[in-house]
Protein backbone atom coordinates (compact mmCIF):
# COMPACT_ATOMS: atom_id res chain seq x y z
CA UNK A 1 -186.65 -78.07 -117.46
CA UNK A 2 -185.10 -81.36 -118.75
CA UNK A 3 -181.41 -82.01 -120.37
CA UNK A 4 -181.95 -81.97 -124.06
CA UNK A 5 -182.02 -84.65 -126.54
CA UNK A 6 -180.00 -84.96 -128.68
CA UNK A 7 -180.94 -85.93 -132.34
CA UNK A 8 -177.71 -86.35 -134.81
CA UNK A 9 -178.71 -85.63 -137.84
CA UNK A 10 -176.48 -85.82 -141.82
CA UNK A 11 -176.90 -83.46 -144.64
CA UNK A 12 -177.38 -85.95 -147.70
CA UNK A 13 -178.13 -83.10 -150.28
CA UNK A 14 -176.36 -79.58 -151.15
CA UNK A 15 -179.39 -77.67 -150.30
CA UNK A 16 -180.34 -79.62 -147.31
CA UNK A 17 -181.21 -77.52 -144.58
CA UNK A 18 -180.96 -78.26 -140.46
CA UNK A 19 -184.20 -78.37 -138.69
CA UNK A 20 -184.98 -74.96 -137.31
CA UNK A 21 -187.38 -73.56 -134.84
CA UNK A 22 -189.98 -70.78 -135.94
CA UNK A 23 -189.75 -70.01 -132.03
CA UNK A 24 -188.03 -70.75 -128.66
CA UNK A 25 -191.07 -72.31 -127.55
CA UNK A 26 -192.19 -73.75 -130.30
CA UNK A 27 -192.77 -77.90 -130.11
CA UNK A 28 -191.77 -78.89 -133.63
CA UNK A 29 -188.65 -77.95 -135.87
CA UNK A 30 -189.19 -77.25 -138.90
CA UNK A 31 -188.17 -79.92 -142.15
CA UNK A 32 -187.72 -78.22 -145.50
CA UNK A 33 -187.86 -79.66 -149.01
CA UNK A 34 -184.77 -79.60 -151.22
CA UNK A 35 -186.53 -79.37 -154.34
CA UNK A 36 -189.00 -77.72 -155.75
CA UNK A 37 -192.09 -80.63 -156.06
CA UNK A 38 -195.71 -80.04 -157.40
CA UNK A 39 -198.30 -82.42 -155.86
CA UNK A 40 -201.29 -82.91 -158.45
CA UNK A 41 -205.00 -82.86 -157.14
CA UNK A 42 -205.13 -86.35 -154.97
CA UNK A 43 -202.51 -87.19 -155.71
CA UNK A 44 -199.27 -87.89 -153.01
CA UNK A 45 -195.56 -87.52 -153.48
CA UNK A 46 -192.86 -88.05 -151.28
CA UNK A 47 -191.06 -84.93 -150.42
CA UNK A 48 -187.24 -84.97 -150.07
CA UNK A 49 -185.67 -82.94 -146.75
CA UNK A 50 -182.28 -83.93 -148.21
CA UNK A 51 -181.81 -84.95 -144.35
CA UNK A 52 -181.10 -88.14 -141.98
CA UNK A 53 -181.42 -88.08 -138.13
CA UNK A 54 -179.88 -90.57 -135.43
CA UNK A 55 -183.38 -90.04 -132.89
CA UNK A 56 -181.83 -91.84 -129.73
CA UNK A 57 -183.03 -95.01 -128.06
CA UNK A 58 -186.35 -94.66 -126.38
CA UNK A 59 -187.61 -91.46 -128.34
CA UNK A 60 -189.75 -91.26 -131.67
CA UNK A 61 -189.99 -88.30 -134.21
CA UNK A 62 -193.00 -87.46 -135.28
CA UNK A 63 -193.90 -85.94 -139.43
CA UNK A 64 -196.41 -83.48 -138.45
CA UNK A 65 -198.52 -80.69 -141.45
CA UNK A 66 -197.42 -77.13 -140.74
CA UNK A 67 -200.77 -75.47 -140.55
CA UNK A 68 -200.17 -72.90 -142.52
CA UNK A 69 -199.53 -75.39 -145.71
CA UNK A 70 -202.85 -77.56 -144.55
CA UNK A 71 -204.76 -74.46 -144.44
CA UNK A 72 -204.62 -74.30 -148.15
CA UNK A 73 -205.14 -77.96 -148.75
CA UNK A 74 -201.73 -79.59 -148.82
CA UNK A 75 -202.14 -82.51 -146.35
CA UNK A 76 -200.32 -85.41 -144.66
CA UNK A 77 -202.15 -88.33 -144.81
CA UNK A 78 -200.64 -90.39 -142.67
CA UNK A 79 -199.92 -87.91 -139.88
CA UNK A 80 -198.48 -87.87 -137.80
CA UNK A 81 -195.95 -89.48 -139.40
CA UNK A 82 -193.12 -92.42 -137.22
CA UNK A 83 -189.60 -92.12 -136.96
CA UNK A 84 -188.56 -94.78 -135.28
CA UNK A 85 -184.99 -94.45 -133.29
CA UNK A 86 -183.14 -97.22 -135.68
CA UNK A 87 -184.41 -95.51 -139.12
CA UNK A 88 -181.30 -93.95 -141.49
CA UNK A 89 -183.23 -93.39 -144.56
CA UNK A 90 -183.72 -89.90 -146.13
CA UNK A 91 -186.73 -88.03 -144.35
CA UNK A 92 -188.66 -87.71 -147.04
CA UNK A 93 -192.56 -86.18 -146.08
CA UNK A 94 -195.46 -87.65 -147.65
CA UNK A 95 -198.06 -84.47 -148.91
CA UNK A 96 -201.31 -84.59 -150.83
CA UNK A 97 -203.18 -81.80 -152.30
CA UNK A 98 -207.06 -81.80 -151.51
CA UNK A 99 -206.95 -77.56 -152.42
CA UNK A 100 -208.75 -75.53 -154.68
CA UNK A 101 -207.06 -76.28 -157.93
CA UNK A 102 -205.43 -78.84 -160.12
CA UNK A 103 -201.96 -79.04 -158.63
CA UNK A 104 -200.16 -76.79 -155.75
CA UNK A 105 -196.05 -76.09 -156.36
CA UNK A 106 -193.71 -76.44 -153.48
CA UNK A 107 -190.52 -74.12 -153.92
CA UNK A 108 -187.15 -75.53 -153.14
CA UNK A 109 -186.68 -74.38 -149.31
CA UNK A 110 -190.31 -74.35 -148.46
CA UNK A 111 -191.30 -75.05 -145.13
CA UNK A 112 -192.89 -78.32 -145.54
CA UNK A 113 -193.73 -80.25 -142.13
CA UNK A 114 -192.21 -80.41 -138.58
CA UNK A 115 -190.38 -83.11 -136.82
CA UNK A 116 -191.14 -83.64 -132.85
CA UNK A 117 -189.30 -85.75 -131.02
CA UNK A 118 -190.84 -87.83 -127.86
CA UNK A 119 -190.28 -89.99 -125.65
CA UNK A 120 -191.25 -93.41 -125.86
CA UNK A 121 -192.52 -95.18 -122.52
CA UNK A 122 -191.28 -98.77 -121.87
CA UNK A 123 -194.55 -101.08 -122.85
CA UNK A 124 -195.21 -104.68 -121.98
CA UNK A 125 -198.24 -106.60 -123.41
CA UNK A 126 -199.79 -108.86 -120.99
CA UNK A 127 -202.47 -111.46 -122.33
CA UNK A 128 -205.83 -111.52 -119.69
CA UNK A 129 -208.92 -112.61 -120.42
CA UNK A 130 -211.57 -110.43 -121.48
CA UNK A 131 -213.12 -110.21 -117.57
CA UNK A 132 -209.66 -108.98 -116.23
CA UNK A 133 -209.65 -105.95 -118.59
CA UNK A 134 -212.71 -104.35 -117.13
CA UNK A 135 -215.11 -102.35 -118.05
CA UNK A 136 -215.92 -99.07 -118.61
CA UNK A 137 -219.26 -96.87 -119.75
CA UNK A 138 -218.30 -97.09 -123.37
CA UNK A 139 -217.90 -100.92 -123.55
CA UNK A 140 -217.25 -102.26 -126.78
CA UNK A 141 -219.02 -99.45 -128.92
CA UNK A 142 -217.01 -98.57 -132.63
CA UNK A 143 -215.99 -95.41 -134.58
CA UNK A 144 -218.04 -92.80 -133.58
CA UNK A 145 -220.11 -94.37 -130.58
CA UNK A 146 -219.37 -91.36 -127.98
CA UNK A 147 -220.10 -88.46 -130.32
CA UNK A 148 -223.41 -86.85 -130.58
CA UNK A 149 -224.60 -88.15 -134.17
């Protein structure tokens, strides 16, 4: 097993709760809202966590949906959302309601998303000619080109 990655955080709201894991083997850390929020049908709302994190250089945070909320119709429209190592603003989760009914109310303290920390590889883009890129079976097929439809 590798050494743990230390992610420092600060609470900027009195009701903010530290990220927590649902089990020892959970990949993500649950994020909770600090206030009751209503999301209207087809609309999106930024939900506040009251937390600021300092993700170490060489890592990123991915904000992902909680399956229990997604099953009800509360989704993250930009999932996964990326938190860069140099971001120091409040963690907010953009949620959209597509479920039954006109709205969905999220109670204060509800687990609204998961934060997964991943290593970011060192990458260098090198410009080459199209011939130097090489060919694949798929080639330049666009969106859906490998599907059955």
